[in-house]
Amino acid sequence: MGAQSYARLADAILVLHFAFVLFVVVGLVIVWIGYLASWQFVRNPWFRGAHLLAMAIVVAESLFGVLCPLTDWEAALRLKAGEDPAYTGSFIQHWVHRVMFFEISERVFTVIYVAFLALILLSLAIVRPRRFHKRI
């Protein structure tokens, strides 16, 4: 596989990572908008469970000092592509990283992640998901 292929894979992982972040952040906003607009899908237990699990993984990684695997994979692919994993590359890479990554201490990020998880848990209490239905 050539350097260009590794760079494309790294960009694909970066876009996937961005989609994950969007799901977590926008998911909470959609739950509340959906609650106010009476959208039934925001009570879907699969959506709500996936949303909670996604944020719980982020919090666990942060509390245990684990770097996100998507970040690791992207950096490894950038190195194989002959790029600096410090994000000076393509248009997609540049802008997605400017939106997703900030220069703040890990401790501050952990506090933000835990607070966001608390908001998700609060939304589960107020905007309750439907129960799973038994299928016969």
N, C-alpha and C. Protein backbone atom coordinates (compact mmCIF):
# COMPACT_ATOMS: atom_id res chain seq x y z
N MET A 1 0.86 -1.17 0.00
CA MET A 1 0.00 0.00 0.00
C MET A 1 0.90 1.23 0.00
N GLY A 2 0.54 2.23 -0.80
CA GLY A 2 1.35 3.43 -0.93
C GLY A 2 1.02 4.50 0.09
N ALA A 3 1.88 5.51 0.13
CA ALA A 3 1.71 6.61 1.08
C ALA A 3 0.35 7.30 0.91
N GLN A 4 -0.08 7.46 -0.34
CA GLN A 4 -1.35 8.13 -0.58
C GLN A 4 -2.52 7.32 -0.02
N SER A 5 -2.43 6.00 -0.08
CA SER A 5 -3.49 5.15 0.47
C SER A 5 -3.54 5.27 1.99
N TYR A 6 -2.37 5.30 2.62
CA TYR A 6 -2.34 5.48 4.08
C TYR A 6 -2.93 6.84 4.47
N ALA A 7 -2.61 7.86 3.70
CA ALA A 7 -3.14 9.20 3.99
C ALA A 7 -4.66 9.22 3.84
N ARG A 8 -5.18 8.54 2.83
CA ARG A 8 -6.64 8.48 2.65
C ARG A 8 -7.32 7.73 3.79
N LEU A 9 -6.70 6.63 4.21
CA LEU A 9 -7.25 5.89 5.36
C LEU A 9 -7.23 6.75 6.62
N ALA A 10 -6.15 7.50 6.81
CA ALA A 10 -6.06 8.39 7.97
C ALA A 10 -7.16 9.44 7.91
N ASP A 11 -7.40 10.01 6.72
CA ASP A 11 -8.49 10.98 6.57
C ASP A 11 -9.84 10.33 6.85
N ALA A 12 -10.03 9.09 6.40
CA ALA A 12 -11.29 8.39 6.65
C ALA A 12 -11.51 8.17 8.15
N ILE A 13 -10.45 7.82 8.86
CA ILE A 13 -10.56 7.64 10.31
C ILE A 13 -10.86 8.96 10.99
N LEU A 14 -10.24 10.03 10.50
CA LEU A 14 -10.51 11.35 11.05
C LEU A 14 -11.98 11.74 10.86
N VAL A 15 -12.53 11.48 9.70
CA VAL A 15 -13.94 11.78 9.43
C VAL A 15 -14.84 10.92 10.31
N LEU A 16 -14.49 9.65 10.49
CA LEU A 16 -15.24 8.76 11.38
C LEU A 16 -15.20 9.30 12.81
N HIS A 17 -14.03 9.74 13.24
CA HIS A 17 -13.87 10.30 14.58
C HIS A 17 -14.75 11.54 14.74
N PHE A 18 -14.75 12.39 13.72
CA PHE A 18 -15.58 13.59 13.74
C PHE A 18 -17.06 13.22 13.81
N ALA A 19 -17.46 12.20 13.06
CA ALA A 19 -18.86 11.75 13.08
C ALA A 19 -19.24 11.25 14.48
N PHE A 20 -18.31 10.56 15.14
CA PHE A 20 -18.55 10.08 16.50
C PHE A 20 -18.78 11.26 17.44
N VAL A 21 -17.92 12.26 17.35
CA VAL A 21 -18.06 13.46 18.19
C VAL A 21 -19.39 14.16 17.90
N LEU A 22 -19.74 14.29 16.63
CA LEU A 22 -21.02 14.90 16.27
C LEU A 22 -22.20 14.13 16.85
N PHE A 23 -22.13 12.80 16.77
CA PHE A 23 -23.20 11.96 17.31
C PHE A 23 -23.38 12.24 18.80
N VAL A 24 -22.29 12.32 19.54
CA VAL A 24 -22.38 12.56 20.98
C VAL A 24 -22.92 13.96 21.28
N VAL A 25 -22.35 14.96 20.65
CA VAL A 25 -22.73 16.34 20.96
C VAL A 25 -24.11 16.68 20.39
N VAL A 26 -24.30 16.44 19.11
CA VAL A 26 -25.58 16.79 18.47
C VAL A 26 -26.69 15.86 18.97
N GLY A 27 -26.33 14.64 19.32
CA GLY A 27 -27.33 13.70 19.83
C GLY A 27 -28.06 14.24 21.04
N LEU A 28 -27.32 14.87 21.96
CA LEU A 28 -27.95 15.42 23.15
C LEU A 28 -28.87 16.60 22.79
N VAL A 29 -28.42 17.43 21.90
CA VAL A 29 -29.24 18.57 21.45
C VAL A 29 -30.52 18.06 20.78
N ILE A 30 -30.39 17.04 19.95
CA ILE A 30 -31.55 16.47 19.25
C ILE A 30 -32.54 15.85 20.23
N VAL A 31 -32.03 15.22 21.29
CA VAL A 31 -32.93 14.66 22.29
C VAL A 31 -33.83 15.74 22.87
N TRP A 32 -33.25 16.89 23.21
CA TRP A 32 -34.04 17.96 23.83
C TRP A 32 -34.95 18.65 22.83
N ILE A 33 -34.46 18.88 21.62
CA ILE A 33 -35.33 19.45 20.59
C ILE A 33 -36.47 18.48 20.30
N GLY A 34 -36.14 17.20 20.18
CA GLY A 34 -37.16 16.18 19.92
C GLY A 34 -38.17 16.07 21.04
N TYR A 35 -37.72 16.23 22.26
CA TYR A 35 -38.62 16.22 23.40
C TYR A 35 -39.62 17.36 23.29
N LEU A 36 -39.11 18.55 22.99
CA LEU A 36 -39.99 19.73 22.88
C LEU A 36 -40.89 19.66 21.66
N ALA A 37 -40.41 19.01 20.58
CA ALA A 37 -41.19 18.92 19.34
C ALA A 37 -41.99 17.61 19.25
N SER A 38 -41.94 16.81 20.29
CA SER A 38 -42.66 15.51 20.35
C SER A 38 -42.22 14.54 19.26
N TRP A 39 -40.92 14.52 18.95
CA TRP A 39 -40.39 13.53 18.00
C TRP A 39 -40.23 12.22 18.74
N GLN A 40 -40.86 11.18 18.24
CA GLN A 40 -40.84 9.90 18.94
C GLN A 40 -39.49 9.18 18.87
N PHE A 41 -38.72 9.42 17.81
CA PHE A 41 -37.46 8.68 17.68
C PHE A 41 -36.47 9.02 18.80
N VAL A 42 -36.62 10.17 19.47
CA VAL A 42 -35.69 10.51 20.54
C VAL A 42 -35.93 9.65 21.78
N ARG A 43 -37.00 8.89 21.77
CA ARG A 43 -37.28 7.96 22.87
C ARG A 43 -36.90 6.52 22.52
N ASN A 44 -36.31 6.36 21.34
CA ASN A 44 -35.88 5.04 20.90
C ASN A 44 -34.77 4.52 21.82
N PRO A 45 -34.96 3.36 22.46
CA PRO A 45 -33.96 2.88 23.41
C PRO A 45 -32.62 2.54 22.76
N TRP A 46 -32.62 2.14 21.49
CA TRP A 46 -31.35 1.84 20.81
C TRP A 46 -30.54 3.11 20.59
N PHE A 47 -31.20 4.16 20.13
CA PHE A 47 -30.54 5.45 19.94
C PHE A 47 -29.99 5.97 21.27
N ARG A 48 -30.83 5.94 22.29
CA ARG A 48 -30.43 6.49 23.59
C ARG A 48 -29.33 5.66 24.23
N GLY A 49 -29.42 4.34 24.08
CA GLY A 49 -28.38 3.47 24.63
C GLY A 49 -27.04 3.67 23.93
N ALA A 50 -27.08 3.78 22.60
CA ALA A 50 -25.85 4.02 21.83
C ALA A 50 -25.25 5.37 22.20
N HIS A 51 -26.10 6.36 22.39
CA HIS A 51 -25.64 7.69 22.76
C HIS A 51 -24.96 7.67 24.13
N LEU A 52 -25.59 7.02 25.09
CA LEU A 52 -25.02 6.91 26.44
C LEU A 52 -23.71 6.12 26.39
N LEU A 53 -23.69 5.02 25.68
CA LEU A 53 -22.48 4.20 25.59
C LEU A 53 -21.33 4.97 24.96
N ALA A 54 -21.62 5.73 23.92
CA ALA A 54 -20.57 6.51 23.25
C ALA A 54 -19.91 7.48 24.23
N MET A 55 -20.71 8.19 24.99
CA MET A 55 -20.14 9.15 25.94
C MET A 55 -19.47 8.45 27.11
N ALA A 56 -20.00 7.31 27.53
CA ALA A 56 -19.39 6.56 28.63
C ALA A 56 -18.00 6.07 28.22
N ILE A 57 -17.83 5.68 26.98
CA ILE A 57 -16.52 5.26 26.49
C ILE A 57 -15.54 6.43 26.55
N VAL A 58 -15.97 7.61 26.13
CA VAL A 58 -15.10 8.80 26.16
C VAL A 58 -14.69 9.11 27.59
N VAL A 59 -15.64 9.06 28.52
CA VAL A 59 -15.34 9.35 29.92
C VAL A 59 -14.38 8.30 30.48
N ALA A 60 -14.62 7.03 30.19
CA ALA A 60 -13.74 5.97 30.69
C ALA A 60 -12.31 6.15 30.16
N GLU A 61 -12.18 6.44 28.87
CA GLU A 61 -10.86 6.68 28.30
C GLU A 61 -10.16 7.83 29.03
N SER A 62 -10.91 8.89 29.27
CA SER A 62 -10.33 10.06 29.92
C SER A 62 -9.94 9.78 31.37
N LEU A 63 -10.82 9.11 32.11
CA LEU A 63 -10.53 8.81 33.51
C LEU A 63 -9.34 7.87 33.68
N PHE A 64 -9.18 6.94 32.74
CA PHE A 64 -8.09 5.97 32.83
C PHE A 64 -6.86 6.38 32.03
N GLY A 65 -6.89 7.58 31.45
CA GLY A 65 -5.74 8.08 30.72
C GLY A 65 -5.43 7.33 29.44
N VAL A 66 -6.46 6.81 28.80
CA VAL A 66 -6.30 6.04 27.56
C VAL A 66 -6.54 6.97 26.37
N LEU A 67 -5.60 6.97 25.44
CA LEU A 67 -5.79 7.76 24.22
C LEU A 67 -6.81 7.05 23.34
N CYS A 68 -7.68 7.81 22.72
CA CYS A 68 -8.71 7.25 21.85
C CYS A 68 -8.05 6.40 20.76
N PRO A 69 -8.53 5.18 20.54
CA PRO A 69 -7.95 4.33 19.49
C PRO A 69 -8.02 4.96 18.11
N LEU A 70 -9.06 5.73 17.84
CA LEU A 70 -9.15 6.39 16.53
C LEU A 70 -8.01 7.38 16.34
N THR A 71 -7.65 8.08 17.39
CA THR A 71 -6.52 9.01 17.33
C THR A 71 -5.22 8.25 17.09
N ASP A 72 -5.05 7.15 17.82
CA ASP A 72 -3.85 6.30 17.64
C ASP A 72 -3.74 5.78 16.21
N TRP A 73 -4.84 5.25 15.68
CA TRP A 73 -4.82 4.67 14.33
C TRP A 73 -4.54 5.73 13.29
N GLU A 74 -5.17 6.88 13.46
CA GLU A 74 -4.93 7.96 12.50
C GLU A 74 -3.47 8.38 12.50
N ALA A 75 -2.89 8.56 13.70
CA ALA A 75 -1.49 8.98 13.80
C ALA A 75 -0.56 7.94 13.17
N ALA A 76 -0.84 6.66 13.43
CA ALA A 76 0.00 5.59 12.87
C ALA A 76 -0.08 5.59 11.34
N LEU A 77 -1.27 5.79 10.81
CA LEU A 77 -1.43 5.83 9.35
C LEU A 77 -0.74 7.07 8.75
N ARG A 78 -0.81 8.18 9.45
CA ARG A 78 -0.14 9.39 8.95
C ARG A 78 1.38 9.16 8.91
N LEU A 79 1.92 8.50 9.92
CA LEU A 79 3.35 8.19 9.91
C LEU A 79 3.70 7.28 8.73
N LYS A 80 2.86 6.27 8.49
CA LYS A 80 3.10 5.37 7.35
C LYS A 80 2.99 6.10 6.02
N ALA A 81 2.20 7.16 6.00
CA ALA A 81 2.03 7.95 4.78
C ALA A 81 3.17 8.96 4.62
N GLY A 82 4.06 8.99 5.61
CA GLY A 82 5.17 9.93 5.55
C GLY A 82 4.78 11.33 5.99
N GLU A 83 3.65 11.44 6.67
CA GLU A 83 3.16 12.73 7.14
C GLU A 83 3.49 12.91 8.62
N ASP A 84 3.47 14.15 9.04
CA ASP A 84 3.62 14.47 10.45
C ASP A 84 2.25 14.33 11.10
N PRO A 85 2.11 13.47 12.11
CA PRO A 85 0.79 13.31 12.72
C PRO A 85 0.35 14.53 13.54
N ALA A 86 1.09 15.62 13.45
CA ALA A 86 0.74 16.84 14.17
C ALA A 86 -0.30 17.66 13.41
N TYR A 87 -0.92 17.08 12.37
CA TYR A 87 -2.05 17.66 11.69
C TYR A 87 -1.74 18.94 10.91
N THR A 88 -0.86 18.79 9.96
CA THR A 88 -0.57 19.91 9.07
C THR A 88 -0.94 19.55 7.64
N GLY A 89 -1.76 18.52 7.46
CA GLY A 89 -2.01 17.95 6.14
C GLY A 89 -3.18 18.52 5.37
N SER A 90 -4.01 17.64 4.89
CA SER A 90 -5.07 17.95 3.94
C SER A 90 -6.11 18.92 4.51
N PHE A 91 -6.94 19.42 3.61
CA PHE A 91 -8.03 20.32 3.97
C PHE A 91 -8.93 19.69 5.02
N ILE A 92 -9.35 18.45 4.77
CA ILE A 92 -10.24 17.75 5.71
C ILE A 92 -9.55 17.65 7.07
N GLN A 93 -8.33 17.18 7.03
CA GLN A 93 -7.57 16.99 8.26
C GLN A 93 -7.45 18.31 9.03
N HIS A 94 -7.07 19.35 8.34
CA HIS A 94 -6.86 20.65 8.98
C HIS A 94 -8.12 21.15 9.68
N TRP A 95 -9.24 21.18 8.97
CA TRP A 95 -10.45 21.77 9.53
C TRP A 95 -11.13 20.89 10.57
N VAL A 96 -11.13 19.59 10.35
CA VAL A 96 -11.74 18.71 11.35
C VAL A 96 -10.96 18.79 12.65
N HIS A 97 -9.64 18.83 12.56
CA HIS A 97 -8.84 18.93 13.78
C HIS A 97 -9.00 20.29 14.46
N ARG A 98 -9.16 21.34 13.70
CA ARG A 98 -9.36 22.66 14.32
C ARG A 98 -10.68 22.68 15.10
N VAL A 99 -11.68 21.96 14.62
CA VAL A 99 -12.97 21.92 15.30
C VAL A 99 -12.93 20.98 16.50
N MET A 100 -12.25 19.84 16.36
CA MET A 100 -12.31 18.80 17.38
C MET A 100 -11.29 18.93 18.50
N PHE A 101 -10.12 19.43 18.24
CA PHE A 101 -9.05 19.39 19.23
C PHE A 101 -8.66 20.79 19.68
N PHE A 102 -8.60 20.97 20.99
CA PHE A 102 -8.28 22.25 21.59
C PHE A 102 -7.07 22.08 22.51
N GLU A 103 -6.37 23.16 22.76
CA GLU A 103 -5.23 23.14 23.67
C GLU A 103 -5.72 23.45 25.08
N ILE A 104 -6.23 22.43 25.74
CA ILE A 104 -6.70 22.53 27.12
C ILE A 104 -6.12 21.33 27.85
N SER A 105 -5.90 21.46 29.15
CA SER A 105 -5.32 20.35 29.91
C SER A 105 -6.26 19.14 29.90
N GLU A 106 -5.66 17.98 30.04
CA GLU A 106 -6.45 16.73 30.09
C GLU A 106 -7.45 16.74 31.24
N ARG A 107 -7.07 17.33 32.35
CA ARG A 107 -7.95 17.39 33.51
C ARG A 107 -9.22 18.18 33.19
N VAL A 108 -9.07 19.30 32.48
CA VAL A 108 -10.23 20.11 32.09
C VAL A 108 -11.13 19.31 31.15
N PHE A 109 -10.52 18.60 30.18
CA PHE A 109 -11.32 17.77 29.29
C PHE A 109 -12.08 16.70 30.08
N THR A 110 -11.44 16.10 31.05
CA THR A 110 -12.11 15.06 31.85
C THR A 110 -13.32 15.65 32.57
N VAL A 111 -13.17 16.82 33.14
CA VAL A 111 -14.30 17.48 33.82
C VAL A 111 -15.43 17.75 32.83
N ILE A 112 -15.07 18.24 31.63
CA ILE A 112 -16.08 18.51 30.60
C ILE A 112 -16.79 17.23 30.20
N TYR A 113 -16.04 16.15 30.00
CA TYR A 113 -16.62 14.87 29.60
C TYR A 113 -17.57 14.34 30.67
N VAL A 114 -17.15 14.40 31.93
CA VAL A 114 -17.99 13.90 33.02
C VAL A 114 -19.26 14.76 33.12
N ALA A 115 -19.13 16.07 32.98
CA ALA A 115 -20.31 16.94 33.02
C ALA A 115 -21.26 16.63 31.87
N PHE A 116 -20.71 16.37 30.70
CA PHE A 116 -21.55 16.05 29.54
C PHE A 116 -22.26 14.71 29.76
N LEU A 117 -21.55 13.74 30.34
CA LEU A 117 -22.19 12.46 30.66
C LEU A 117 -23.31 12.68 31.67
N ALA A 118 -23.10 13.55 32.63
CA ALA A 118 -24.16 13.86 33.61
C ALA A 118 -25.38 14.46 32.91
N LEU A 119 -25.15 15.32 31.92
CA LEU A 119 -26.27 15.89 31.15
C LEU A 119 -27.02 14.80 30.38
N ILE A 120 -26.29 13.85 29.84
CA ILE A 120 -26.93 12.74 29.12
C ILE A 120 -27.76 11.90 30.10
N LEU A 121 -27.21 11.64 31.28
CA LEU A 121 -27.96 10.88 32.28
C LEU A 121 -29.20 11.64 32.74
N LEU A 122 -29.07 12.95 32.89
CA LEU A 122 -30.22 13.78 33.24
C LEU A 122 -31.28 13.71 32.14
N SER A 123 -30.84 13.74 30.89
CA SER A 123 -31.80 13.66 29.78
C SER A 123 -32.50 12.31 29.77
N LEU A 124 -31.80 11.25 30.20
CA LEU A 124 -32.44 9.93 30.28
C LEU A 124 -33.54 9.91 31.34
N ALA A 125 -33.32 10.67 32.41
CA ALA A 125 -34.32 10.73 33.47
C ALA A 125 -35.53 11.57 33.07
N ILE A 126 -35.29 12.64 32.32
CA ILE A 126 -36.38 13.55 31.96
C ILE A 126 -37.05 13.13 30.65
N VAL A 127 -36.27 12.82 29.66
CA VAL A 127 -36.80 12.39 28.36
C VAL A 127 -36.58 10.87 28.31
N ARG A 128 -37.47 10.18 28.95
CA ARG A 128 -37.29 8.72 29.10
C ARG A 128 -37.45 7.99 27.77
N PRO A 129 -36.52 7.05 27.52
CA PRO A 129 -36.69 6.21 26.32
C PRO A 129 -37.84 5.22 26.53
N ARG A 130 -38.43 4.80 25.40
CA ARG A 130 -39.46 3.76 25.47
C ARG A 130 -38.81 2.47 25.95
N ARG A 131 -39.62 1.60 26.46
CA ARG A 131 -39.13 0.27 26.85
C ARG A 131 -39.02 -0.59 25.60
N PHE A 132 -38.11 -1.55 25.66
CA PHE A 132 -38.03 -2.52 24.59
C PHE A 132 -39.30 -3.36 24.61
N HIS A 133 -39.82 -3.67 23.42
CA HIS A 133 -41.02 -4.48 23.33
C HIS A 133 -40.62 -5.94 23.12
N LYS A 134 -41.34 -6.83 23.81
CA LYS A 134 -41.09 -8.25 23.60
C LYS A 134 -41.73 -8.68 22.29
N ARG A 135 -40.98 -9.40 21.52
CA ARG A 135 -41.53 -9.93 20.26
C ARG A 135 -41.86 -11.40 20.44
N ILE A 136 -43.01 -11.76 19.97
CA ILE A 136 -43.44 -13.16 20.11
C ILE A 136 -43.31 -13.87 18.79
